[in-house]
Amino acid sequence: MCNEDVSQVTEIDQEVFPTMWPPANYKRELGTRLAHYIVAHEIITATGGTEATVTDEGQYIAGFAGFWMMADEAHITNIAVRQSHHRRGIGELLLISMIDLALELGAHLITLEVRASNTAAQGLYHKYGLNQLHIRPGYYTDNKENALVLATEDITSAAFQQRLKRLKKAHARRWR
């Protein structure tokens, strides 16, 4: 993600999340060495179809994701996809890309919070080995909804790597 992406990322954030970060926060995040953000761009193919690719800068943004890297932990702060682009594998592509980037940066653990009511996201996270550690009561400020705190096992372990490789292949077969 680059400064030019902030307005589109803010649009997506406002559309997807009930409580939005102000635009200045994303600009500040880009200047924080602990923060790492990526965006997924929609690409129109020669056959008229569409697909998504994840990069760090670009044009029309279909979704974005970010995490903070602290010691050997990547804490995912958000994964969001425009509602018009749901059910196209973009959220999963963003999660895969977050895991790959976390590995590149030396992470051994991935953590995140997810709304207790967001069962679709929970299903994706469980698929990729994020399991519930505990609950943060009243975590979300808009409605005091609980957050589930999820974490992976060691993402460098042979078992996690094998699972990730299998899931990446399945995603590529389905969406490309």
N, C-alpha and C. Protein backbone atom coordinates (compact mmCIF):
# COMPACT_ATOMS: atom_id res chain seq x y z
N MET A 1 0.85 -1.17 0.00
CA MET A 1 0.00 0.00 0.00
C MET A 1 0.90 1.24 0.00
N CYS A 2 0.45 2.24 -0.73
CA CYS A 2 1.18 3.50 -0.77
C CYS A 2 0.21 4.64 -0.46
N ASN A 3 0.75 5.86 -0.31
CA ASN A 3 -0.09 7.02 0.03
C ASN A 3 -1.25 7.20 -0.94
N GLU A 4 -1.02 6.91 -2.21
CA GLU A 4 -2.07 7.08 -3.22
C GLU A 4 -3.24 6.12 -3.00
N ASP A 5 -3.02 5.06 -2.26
CA ASP A 5 -4.05 4.06 -2.01
C ASP A 5 -4.96 4.42 -0.84
N VAL A 6 -4.56 5.36 -0.01
CA VAL A 6 -5.26 5.63 1.24
C VAL A 6 -6.73 5.99 1.03
N SER A 7 -7.05 6.79 0.02
CA SER A 7 -8.46 7.18 -0.17
C SER A 7 -9.32 5.96 -0.51
N GLN A 8 -8.83 5.05 -1.36
CA GLN A 8 -9.61 3.85 -1.69
C GLN A 8 -9.69 2.90 -0.50
N VAL A 9 -8.59 2.75 0.22
CA VAL A 9 -8.58 1.90 1.41
C VAL A 9 -9.59 2.44 2.43
N THR A 10 -9.64 3.75 2.57
CA THR A 10 -10.60 4.36 3.49
C THR A 10 -12.03 4.10 3.04
N GLU A 11 -12.29 4.18 1.73
CA GLU A 11 -13.63 3.84 1.20
C GLU A 11 -14.02 2.42 1.57
N ILE A 12 -13.09 1.50 1.37
CA ILE A 12 -13.36 0.09 1.67
C ILE A 12 -13.59 -0.09 3.16
N ASP A 13 -12.75 0.54 3.97
CA ASP A 13 -12.87 0.45 5.42
C ASP A 13 -14.25 0.94 5.86
N GLN A 14 -14.66 2.07 5.32
CA GLN A 14 -15.96 2.66 5.67
C GLN A 14 -17.11 1.75 5.26
N GLU A 15 -16.97 1.10 4.13
CA GLU A 15 -18.01 0.21 3.61
C GLU A 15 -18.11 -1.08 4.43
N VAL A 16 -16.96 -1.62 4.85
CA VAL A 16 -16.91 -2.95 5.44
C VAL A 16 -17.03 -2.95 6.96
N PHE A 17 -16.39 -1.99 7.61
CA PHE A 17 -16.33 -2.00 9.08
C PHE A 17 -17.29 -0.96 9.68
N PRO A 18 -18.05 -1.33 10.71
CA PRO A 18 -18.96 -0.38 11.34
C PRO A 18 -18.25 0.80 11.99
N THR A 19 -17.08 0.58 12.53
CA THR A 19 -16.32 1.68 13.12
C THR A 19 -15.06 1.87 12.30
N MET A 20 -14.99 3.00 11.62
CA MET A 20 -13.92 3.26 10.66
C MET A 20 -12.78 4.02 11.30
N TRP A 21 -11.54 3.71 10.88
CA TRP A 21 -10.39 4.52 11.24
C TRP A 21 -10.46 5.80 10.42
N PRO A 22 -10.09 6.93 10.97
CA PRO A 22 -10.01 8.14 10.14
C PRO A 22 -8.88 7.99 9.11
N PRO A 23 -9.00 8.62 7.95
CA PRO A 23 -7.98 8.50 6.91
C PRO A 23 -6.56 8.81 7.40
N ALA A 24 -6.42 9.73 8.30
CA ALA A 24 -5.09 10.08 8.80
C ALA A 24 -4.39 8.89 9.43
N ASN A 25 -5.14 7.97 10.02
CA ASN A 25 -4.52 6.80 10.63
C ASN A 25 -3.82 5.91 9.60
N TYR A 26 -4.43 5.71 8.46
CA TYR A 26 -3.78 4.89 7.43
C TYR A 26 -2.51 5.57 6.93
N LYS A 27 -2.55 6.87 6.77
CA LYS A 27 -1.34 7.59 6.36
C LYS A 27 -0.25 7.43 7.42
N ARG A 28 -0.64 7.52 8.67
CA ARG A 28 0.33 7.36 9.76
C ARG A 28 0.85 5.92 9.79
N GLU A 29 -0.04 4.96 9.55
CA GLU A 29 0.37 3.55 9.54
C GLU A 29 1.49 3.32 8.52
N LEU A 30 1.39 3.98 7.36
CA LEU A 30 2.40 3.80 6.32
C LEU A 30 3.78 4.26 6.78
N GLY A 31 3.82 5.17 7.74
CA GLY A 31 5.09 5.66 8.25
C GLY A 31 5.60 4.90 9.46
N THR A 32 4.86 3.90 9.90
CA THR A 32 5.25 3.12 11.07
C THR A 32 5.98 1.86 10.61
N ARG A 33 7.19 1.68 11.08
CA ARG A 33 7.98 0.53 10.61
C ARG A 33 7.42 -0.82 11.04
N LEU A 34 6.56 -0.84 12.05
CA LEU A 34 5.95 -2.09 12.50
C LEU A 34 4.75 -2.50 11.64
N ALA A 35 4.17 -1.52 10.93
CA ALA A 35 2.95 -1.78 10.16
C ALA A 35 3.28 -2.20 8.73
N HIS A 36 2.54 -3.19 8.25
CA HIS A 36 2.73 -3.70 6.89
C HIS A 36 1.35 -3.87 6.26
N TYR A 37 1.13 -3.20 5.13
CA TYR A 37 -0.17 -3.24 4.45
C TYR A 37 0.02 -3.65 3.00
N ILE A 38 -0.96 -4.39 2.49
CA ILE A 38 -0.99 -4.76 1.09
C ILE A 38 -2.38 -4.47 0.54
N VAL A 39 -2.47 -4.34 -0.76
CA VAL A 39 -3.76 -4.14 -1.41
C VAL A 39 -3.93 -5.16 -2.52
N ALA A 40 -5.18 -5.51 -2.80
CA ALA A 40 -5.52 -6.40 -3.90
C ALA A 40 -6.15 -5.55 -4.99
N HIS A 41 -5.59 -5.65 -6.19
CA HIS A 41 -6.09 -4.90 -7.33
C HIS A 41 -6.94 -5.81 -8.20
N GLU A 42 -8.00 -5.24 -8.73
CA GLU A 42 -8.80 -5.97 -9.70
C GLU A 42 -8.14 -5.79 -11.07
N ILE A 43 -8.01 -6.88 -11.79
CA ILE A 43 -7.45 -6.85 -13.13
C ILE A 43 -8.50 -7.39 -14.08
N ILE A 44 -8.77 -6.65 -15.14
CA ILE A 44 -9.70 -7.13 -16.17
C ILE A 44 -8.87 -7.85 -17.21
N THR A 45 -9.19 -9.11 -17.45
CA THR A 45 -8.41 -9.93 -18.37
C THR A 45 -8.83 -9.68 -19.82
N ALA A 46 -8.01 -10.16 -20.76
CA ALA A 46 -8.29 -10.00 -22.19
C ALA A 46 -9.60 -10.66 -22.59
N THR A 47 -10.03 -11.66 -21.83
CA THR A 47 -11.28 -12.36 -22.14
C THR A 47 -12.50 -11.68 -21.51
N GLY A 48 -12.24 -10.56 -20.80
CA GLY A 48 -13.34 -9.83 -20.18
C GLY A 48 -13.64 -10.26 -18.76
N GLY A 49 -12.98 -11.31 -18.30
CA GLY A 49 -13.16 -11.74 -16.91
C GLY A 49 -12.34 -10.86 -15.98
N THR A 50 -12.48 -11.09 -14.69
CA THR A 50 -11.68 -10.34 -13.73
C THR A 50 -10.96 -11.31 -12.81
N GLU A 51 -9.84 -10.86 -12.31
CA GLU A 51 -9.13 -11.59 -11.27
C GLU A 51 -8.46 -10.57 -10.38
N ALA A 52 -7.93 -11.03 -9.27
CA ALA A 52 -7.28 -10.12 -8.34
C ALA A 52 -5.83 -10.49 -8.20
N THR A 53 -5.01 -9.49 -7.96
CA THR A 53 -3.61 -9.72 -7.67
C THR A 53 -3.24 -8.85 -6.48
N VAL A 54 -2.34 -9.33 -5.64
CA VAL A 54 -1.94 -8.57 -4.47
C VAL A 54 -0.61 -7.90 -4.76
N THR A 55 -0.56 -6.60 -4.52
CA THR A 55 0.66 -5.82 -4.68
C THR A 55 0.74 -4.82 -3.55
N ASP A 56 1.79 -4.03 -3.56
CA ASP A 56 1.90 -3.00 -2.53
C ASP A 56 1.53 -1.62 -3.04
N GLU A 57 1.24 -1.47 -4.32
CA GLU A 57 0.78 -0.19 -4.85
C GLU A 57 0.06 -0.42 -6.16
N GLY A 58 -0.77 0.54 -6.59
CA GLY A 58 -1.45 0.32 -7.85
C GLY A 58 -2.64 1.21 -8.10
N GLN A 59 -3.68 0.63 -8.74
CA GLN A 59 -4.82 1.41 -9.23
C GLN A 59 -6.10 1.04 -8.49
N TYR A 60 -7.06 0.39 -9.15
CA TYR A 60 -8.33 0.09 -8.50
C TYR A 60 -8.13 -1.00 -7.45
N ILE A 61 -8.53 -0.70 -6.23
CA ILE A 61 -8.30 -1.61 -5.12
C ILE A 61 -9.59 -2.34 -4.79
N ALA A 62 -9.52 -3.67 -4.79
CA ALA A 62 -10.67 -4.50 -4.45
C ALA A 62 -10.69 -4.82 -2.96
N GLY A 63 -9.53 -4.82 -2.32
CA GLY A 63 -9.44 -5.12 -0.89
C GLY A 63 -8.06 -4.79 -0.36
N PHE A 64 -7.93 -4.86 0.95
CA PHE A 64 -6.63 -4.57 1.58
C PHE A 64 -6.52 -5.37 2.86
N ALA A 65 -5.30 -5.46 3.35
CA ALA A 65 -5.04 -6.15 4.62
C ALA A 65 -3.78 -5.55 5.24
N GLY A 66 -3.71 -5.66 6.54
CA GLY A 66 -2.53 -5.15 7.23
C GLY A 66 -2.25 -5.90 8.51
N PHE A 67 -1.01 -5.84 8.93
CA PHE A 67 -0.63 -6.38 10.23
C PHE A 67 0.49 -5.55 10.84
N TRP A 68 0.62 -5.70 12.14
CA TRP A 68 1.74 -5.13 12.88
C TRP A 68 2.68 -6.27 13.22
N MET A 69 3.96 -6.08 12.95
CA MET A 69 4.97 -7.09 13.26
C MET A 69 5.63 -6.70 14.57
N MET A 70 5.46 -7.53 15.58
CA MET A 70 6.03 -7.28 16.91
C MET A 70 6.77 -8.53 17.35
N ALA A 71 8.10 -8.39 17.47
CA ALA A 71 8.97 -9.53 17.77
C ALA A 71 8.73 -10.60 16.72
N ASP A 72 8.28 -11.78 17.11
CA ASP A 72 8.03 -12.84 16.11
C ASP A 72 6.54 -13.06 15.86
N GLU A 73 5.72 -12.05 16.16
CA GLU A 73 4.28 -12.15 15.98
C GLU A 73 3.78 -11.13 14.96
N ALA A 74 2.97 -11.61 14.00
CA ALA A 74 2.28 -10.73 13.06
C ALA A 74 0.83 -10.64 13.56
N HIS A 75 0.43 -9.44 13.99
CA HIS A 75 -0.93 -9.24 14.49
C HIS A 75 -1.74 -8.57 13.38
N ILE A 76 -2.63 -9.34 12.75
CA ILE A 76 -3.45 -8.82 11.66
C ILE A 76 -4.43 -7.80 12.23
N THR A 77 -4.38 -6.59 11.69
CA THR A 77 -5.25 -5.51 12.14
C THR A 77 -6.53 -5.45 11.33
N ASN A 78 -6.44 -5.80 10.04
CA ASN A 78 -7.65 -5.79 9.21
C ASN A 78 -7.43 -6.53 7.90
N ILE A 79 -8.50 -7.13 7.45
CA ILE A 79 -8.63 -7.69 6.10
C ILE A 79 -10.01 -7.25 5.63
N ALA A 80 -10.06 -6.55 4.51
CA ALA A 80 -11.34 -6.03 4.04
C ALA A 80 -11.41 -6.09 2.52
N VAL A 81 -12.58 -6.45 2.02
CA VAL A 81 -12.83 -6.55 0.58
C VAL A 81 -14.12 -5.78 0.28
N ARG A 82 -14.10 -5.01 -0.80
CA ARG A 82 -15.31 -4.28 -1.20
C ARG A 82 -16.48 -5.28 -1.29
N GLN A 83 -17.64 -4.86 -0.84
CA GLN A 83 -18.79 -5.76 -0.87
C GLN A 83 -19.10 -6.24 -2.28
N SER A 84 -18.86 -5.41 -3.28
CA SER A 84 -19.11 -5.80 -4.67
C SER A 84 -18.15 -6.88 -5.15
N HIS A 85 -17.09 -7.14 -4.38
CA HIS A 85 -16.09 -8.13 -4.76
C HIS A 85 -16.06 -9.35 -3.83
N HIS A 86 -17.07 -9.45 -2.96
CA HIS A 86 -17.15 -10.61 -2.06
C HIS A 86 -17.36 -11.88 -2.87
N ARG A 87 -16.94 -12.98 -2.29
CA ARG A 87 -17.13 -14.33 -2.83
C ARG A 87 -16.37 -14.56 -4.14
N ARG A 88 -15.22 -13.89 -4.25
CA ARG A 88 -14.34 -14.09 -5.42
C ARG A 88 -12.96 -14.59 -5.00
N GLY A 89 -12.79 -14.93 -3.74
CA GLY A 89 -11.51 -15.44 -3.26
C GLY A 89 -10.51 -14.37 -2.88
N ILE A 90 -10.91 -13.10 -2.89
CA ILE A 90 -9.97 -12.01 -2.63
C ILE A 90 -9.57 -11.97 -1.16
N GLY A 91 -10.52 -12.15 -0.25
CA GLY A 91 -10.19 -12.17 1.17
C GLY A 91 -9.21 -13.28 1.50
N GLU A 92 -9.44 -14.44 0.90
CA GLU A 92 -8.52 -15.57 1.12
C GLU A 92 -7.15 -15.27 0.52
N LEU A 93 -7.11 -14.65 -0.66
CA LEU A 93 -5.85 -14.27 -1.27
C LEU A 93 -5.09 -13.28 -0.37
N LEU A 94 -5.82 -12.33 0.21
CA LEU A 94 -5.19 -11.38 1.13
C LEU A 94 -4.63 -12.10 2.36
N LEU A 95 -5.38 -13.05 2.92
CA LEU A 95 -4.89 -13.79 4.08
C LEU A 95 -3.65 -14.60 3.72
N ILE A 96 -3.66 -15.28 2.58
CA ILE A 96 -2.49 -16.03 2.13
C ILE A 96 -1.29 -15.09 2.01
N SER A 97 -1.51 -13.93 1.42
CA SER A 97 -0.42 -12.97 1.24
C SER A 97 0.08 -12.44 2.57
N MET A 98 -0.81 -12.26 3.54
CA MET A 98 -0.39 -11.82 4.88
C MET A 98 0.49 -12.89 5.52
N ILE A 99 0.11 -14.14 5.39
CA ILE A 99 0.90 -15.23 5.97
C ILE A 99 2.27 -15.28 5.30
N ASP A 100 2.31 -15.18 3.96
CA ASP A 100 3.59 -15.20 3.25
C ASP A 100 4.49 -14.04 3.68
N LEU A 101 3.92 -12.85 3.80
CA LEU A 101 4.70 -11.68 4.22
C LEU A 101 5.19 -11.85 5.66
N ALA A 102 4.33 -12.36 6.52
CA ALA A 102 4.73 -12.60 7.91
C ALA A 102 5.91 -13.57 7.97
N LEU A 103 5.86 -14.61 7.15
CA LEU A 103 6.98 -15.56 7.10
C LEU A 103 8.27 -14.88 6.63
N GLU A 104 8.16 -14.05 5.58
CA GLU A 104 9.32 -13.32 5.07
C GLU A 104 9.94 -12.43 6.14
N LEU A 105 9.11 -11.88 7.01
CA LEU A 105 9.58 -10.96 8.04
C LEU A 105 10.00 -11.66 9.33
N GLY A 106 9.95 -12.99 9.32
CA GLY A 106 10.44 -13.76 10.47
C GLY A 106 9.41 -14.06 11.54
N ALA A 107 8.13 -13.94 11.23
CA ALA A 107 7.10 -14.26 12.21
C ALA A 107 7.01 -15.76 12.44
N HIS A 108 6.63 -16.12 13.63
CA HIS A 108 6.35 -17.51 13.97
C HIS A 108 4.90 -17.71 14.36
N LEU A 109 4.20 -16.59 14.60
CA LEU A 109 2.84 -16.64 15.10
C LEU A 109 2.02 -15.55 14.42
N ILE A 110 0.76 -15.84 14.12
CA ILE A 110 -0.16 -14.84 13.60
C ILE A 110 -1.34 -14.79 14.55
N THR A 111 -1.73 -13.56 14.91
CA THR A 111 -2.87 -13.36 15.79
C THR A 111 -3.82 -12.34 15.17
N LEU A 112 -5.06 -12.33 15.64
CA LEU A 112 -6.03 -11.32 15.22
C LEU A 112 -7.24 -11.38 16.13
N GLU A 113 -8.08 -10.32 16.05
CA GLU A 113 -9.39 -10.32 16.68
C GLU A 113 -10.43 -10.33 15.57
N VAL A 114 -11.54 -11.00 15.84
CA VAL A 114 -12.65 -11.05 14.89
C VAL A 114 -13.95 -10.95 15.70
N ARG A 115 -14.92 -10.25 15.11
CA ARG A 115 -16.22 -10.13 15.78
C ARG A 115 -16.81 -11.53 16.02
N ALA A 116 -17.42 -11.69 17.17
CA ALA A 116 -18.06 -12.97 17.50
C ALA A 116 -19.15 -13.32 16.49
N SER A 117 -19.78 -12.30 15.90
CA SER A 117 -20.86 -12.55 14.94
C SER A 117 -20.36 -12.79 13.51
N ASN A 118 -19.09 -12.59 13.24
CA ASN A 118 -18.56 -12.71 11.88
C ASN A 118 -18.13 -14.16 11.61
N THR A 119 -19.13 -15.01 11.43
CA THR A 119 -18.85 -16.44 11.26
C THR A 119 -18.18 -16.75 9.93
N ALA A 120 -18.44 -15.94 8.89
CA ALA A 120 -17.79 -16.18 7.59
C ALA A 120 -16.28 -15.99 7.73
N ALA A 121 -15.86 -14.91 8.35
CA ALA A 121 -14.43 -14.67 8.54
C ALA A 121 -13.82 -15.74 9.45
N GLN A 122 -14.54 -16.11 10.50
CA GLN A 122 -14.03 -17.14 11.40
C GLN A 122 -13.79 -18.45 10.65
N GLY A 123 -14.68 -18.79 9.73
CA GLY A 123 -14.50 -20.01 8.94
C GLY A 123 -13.22 -19.97 8.12
N LEU A 124 -12.96 -18.83 7.48
CA LEU A 124 -11.72 -18.67 6.71
C LEU A 124 -10.51 -18.77 7.61
N TYR A 125 -10.55 -18.09 8.75
CA TYR A 125 -9.40 -18.10 9.66
C TYR A 125 -9.13 -19.50 10.20
N HIS A 126 -10.18 -20.22 10.56
CA HIS A 126 -10.00 -21.59 11.06
C HIS A 126 -9.41 -22.49 9.98
N LYS A 127 -9.87 -22.29 8.75
CA LYS A 127 -9.34 -23.05 7.62
C LYS A 127 -7.82 -22.92 7.53
N TYR A 128 -7.31 -21.73 7.86
CA TYR A 128 -5.87 -21.46 7.79
C TYR A 128 -5.16 -21.63 9.13
N GLY A 129 -5.80 -22.32 10.06
CA GLY A 129 -5.12 -22.71 11.28
C GLY A 129 -5.14 -21.69 12.40
N LEU A 130 -6.00 -20.68 12.31
CA LEU A 130 -6.16 -19.75 13.43
C LEU A 130 -7.25 -20.27 14.34
N ASN A 131 -6.91 -20.51 15.58
CA ASN A 131 -7.85 -21.07 16.55
C ASN A 131 -8.07 -20.11 17.70
N GLN A 132 -9.24 -20.21 18.31
CA GLN A 132 -9.60 -19.28 19.38
C GLN A 132 -8.77 -19.50 20.63
N LEU A 133 -8.19 -18.40 21.12
CA LEU A 133 -7.45 -18.43 22.39
C LEU A 133 -8.35 -17.99 23.54
N HIS A 134 -9.04 -16.86 23.33
CA HIS A 134 -9.95 -16.35 24.35
C HIS A 134 -10.88 -15.30 23.74
N ILE A 135 -11.69 -14.70 24.60
CA ILE A 135 -12.67 -13.68 24.18
C ILE A 135 -12.31 -12.36 24.84
N ARG A 136 -12.42 -11.26 24.07
CA ARG A 136 -12.30 -9.91 24.63
C ARG A 136 -13.72 -9.36 24.74
N PRO A 137 -14.28 -9.36 25.95
CA PRO A 137 -15.65 -8.88 26.12
C PRO A 137 -15.79 -7.40 25.76
N GLY A 138 -16.86 -7.07 25.02
CA GLY A 138 -17.16 -5.68 24.69
C GLY A 138 -16.09 -4.95 23.90
N TYR A 139 -15.31 -5.66 23.13
CA TYR A 139 -14.14 -5.10 22.44
C TYR A 139 -14.51 -4.03 21.40
N TYR A 140 -15.59 -4.25 20.65
CA TYR A 140 -15.94 -3.33 19.57
C TYR A 140 -16.75 -2.16 20.12
N THR A 141 -16.29 -0.95 19.84
CA THR A 141 -16.86 0.25 20.44
C THR A 141 -18.23 0.61 19.91
N ASP A 142 -18.57 0.19 18.68
CA ASP A 142 -19.86 0.59 18.12
C ASP A 142 -21.04 -0.08 18.80
N ASN A 143 -20.88 -1.36 19.20
CA ASN A 143 -22.01 -2.06 19.80
C ASN A 143 -21.60 -2.94 20.98
N LYS A 144 -20.37 -2.79 21.42
CA LYS A 144 -19.84 -3.55 22.57
C LYS A 144 -19.83 -5.06 22.33
N GLU A 145 -19.76 -5.45 21.05
CA GLU A 145 -19.69 -6.87 20.71
C GLU A 145 -18.36 -7.45 21.16
N ASN A 146 -18.40 -8.72 21.53
CA ASN A 146 -17.18 -9.42 21.92
C ASN A 146 -16.31 -9.70 20.71
N ALA A 147 -15.01 -9.76 20.95
CA ALA A 147 -14.05 -10.18 19.92
C ALA A 147 -13.49 -11.53 20.32
N LEU A 148 -13.34 -12.39 19.33
CA LEU A 148 -12.63 -13.65 19.55
C LEU A 148 -11.18 -13.41 19.19
N VAL A 149 -10.27 -13.79 20.05
CA VAL A 149 -8.84 -13.68 19.78
C VAL A 149 -8.38 -15.02 19.22
N LEU A 150 -7.85 -14.98 17.99
CA LEU A 150 -7.40 -16.19 17.32
C LEU A 150 -5.90 -16.15 17.12
N ALA A 151 -5.27 -17.32 17.07
CA ALA A 151 -3.83 -17.41 16.83
C ALA A 151 -3.52 -18.72 16.12
N THR A 152 -2.40 -18.70 15.41
CA THR A 152 -1.92 -19.91 14.74
C THR A 152 -0.96 -20.65 15.66
N GLU A 153 -0.63 -21.85 15.25
CA GLU A 153 0.53 -22.54 15.80
C GLU A 153 1.75 -21.88 15.14
N ASP A 154 2.92 -22.38 15.35
CA ASP A 154 4.13 -21.85 14.72
C ASP A 154 3.99 -21.99 13.20
N ILE A 155 3.96 -20.85 12.50
CA ILE A 155 3.75 -20.88 11.05
C ILE A 155 4.97 -21.40 10.28
N THR A 156 6.09 -21.57 10.97
CA THR A 156 7.27 -22.15 10.31
C THR A 156 7.32 -23.66 10.48
N SER A 157 6.38 -24.23 11.24
CA SER A 157 6.39 -25.68 11.47
C SER A 157 6.07 -26.43 10.18
N ALA A 158 6.54 -27.64 10.08
CA ALA A 158 6.31 -28.46 8.90
C ALA A 158 4.80 -28.69 8.68
N ALA A 159 4.07 -28.91 9.76
CA ALA A 159 2.63 -29.16 9.64
C ALA A 159 1.91 -27.93 9.10
N PHE A 160 2.23 -26.75 9.60
CA PHE A 160 1.57 -25.54 9.12
C PHE A 160 1.94 -25.29 7.67
N GLN A 161 3.20 -25.45 7.33
CA GLN A 161 3.67 -25.21 5.97
C GLN A 161 3.00 -26.16 4.97
N GLN A 162 2.82 -27.40 5.37
CA GLN A 162 2.16 -28.38 4.51
C GLN A 162 0.70 -27.99 4.27
N ARG A 163 0.03 -27.59 5.33
CA ARG A 163 -1.37 -27.14 5.22
C ARG A 163 -1.46 -25.91 4.32
N LEU A 164 -0.56 -24.94 4.52
CA LEU A 164 -0.56 -23.71 3.73
C LEU A 164 -0.34 -24.03 2.25
N LYS A 165 0.59 -24.88 1.96
CA LYS A 165 0.88 -25.25 0.57
C LYS A 165 -0.35 -25.88 -0.09
N ARG A 166 -1.02 -26.76 0.62
CA ARG A 166 -2.23 -27.42 0.10
C ARG A 166 -3.34 -26.40 -0.14
N LEU A 167 -3.53 -25.48 0.80
CA LEU A 167 -4.58 -24.48 0.67
C LEU A 167 -4.29 -23.48 -0.44
N LYS A 168 -3.03 -23.12 -0.62
CA LYS A 168 -2.65 -22.22 -1.72
C LYS A 168 -2.96 -22.85 -3.07
N LYS A 169 -2.63 -24.12 -3.21
CA LYS A 169 -2.91 -24.82 -4.47
C LYS A 169 -4.40 -24.88 -4.73
N ALA A 170 -5.18 -25.17 -3.71
CA ALA A 170 -6.63 -25.25 -3.87
C ALA A 170 -7.20 -23.88 -4.24
N HIS A 171 -6.71 -22.83 -3.63
CA HIS A 171 -7.18 -21.48 -3.95
C HIS A 171 -6.84 -21.14 -5.40
N ALA A 172 -5.62 -21.43 -5.80
CA ALA A 172 -5.19 -21.12 -7.17
C ALA A 172 -6.03 -21.88 -8.20
N ARG A 173 -6.31 -23.15 -7.93
CA ARG A 173 -7.14 -23.94 -8.84
C ARG A 173 -8.55 -23.36 -8.96
N ARG A 174 -9.08 -22.91 -7.86
CA ARG A 174 -10.46 -22.42 -7.86
C ARG A 174 -10.60 -21.05 -8.48
N TRP A 175 -9.64 -20.16 -8.26
CA TRP A 175 -9.83 -18.75 -8.61
C TRP A 175 -8.98 -18.26 -9.77
N ARG A 176 -8.13 -19.08 -10.32
CA ARG A 176 -7.30 -18.56 -11.43
C ARG A 176 -7.56 -19.31 -12.70
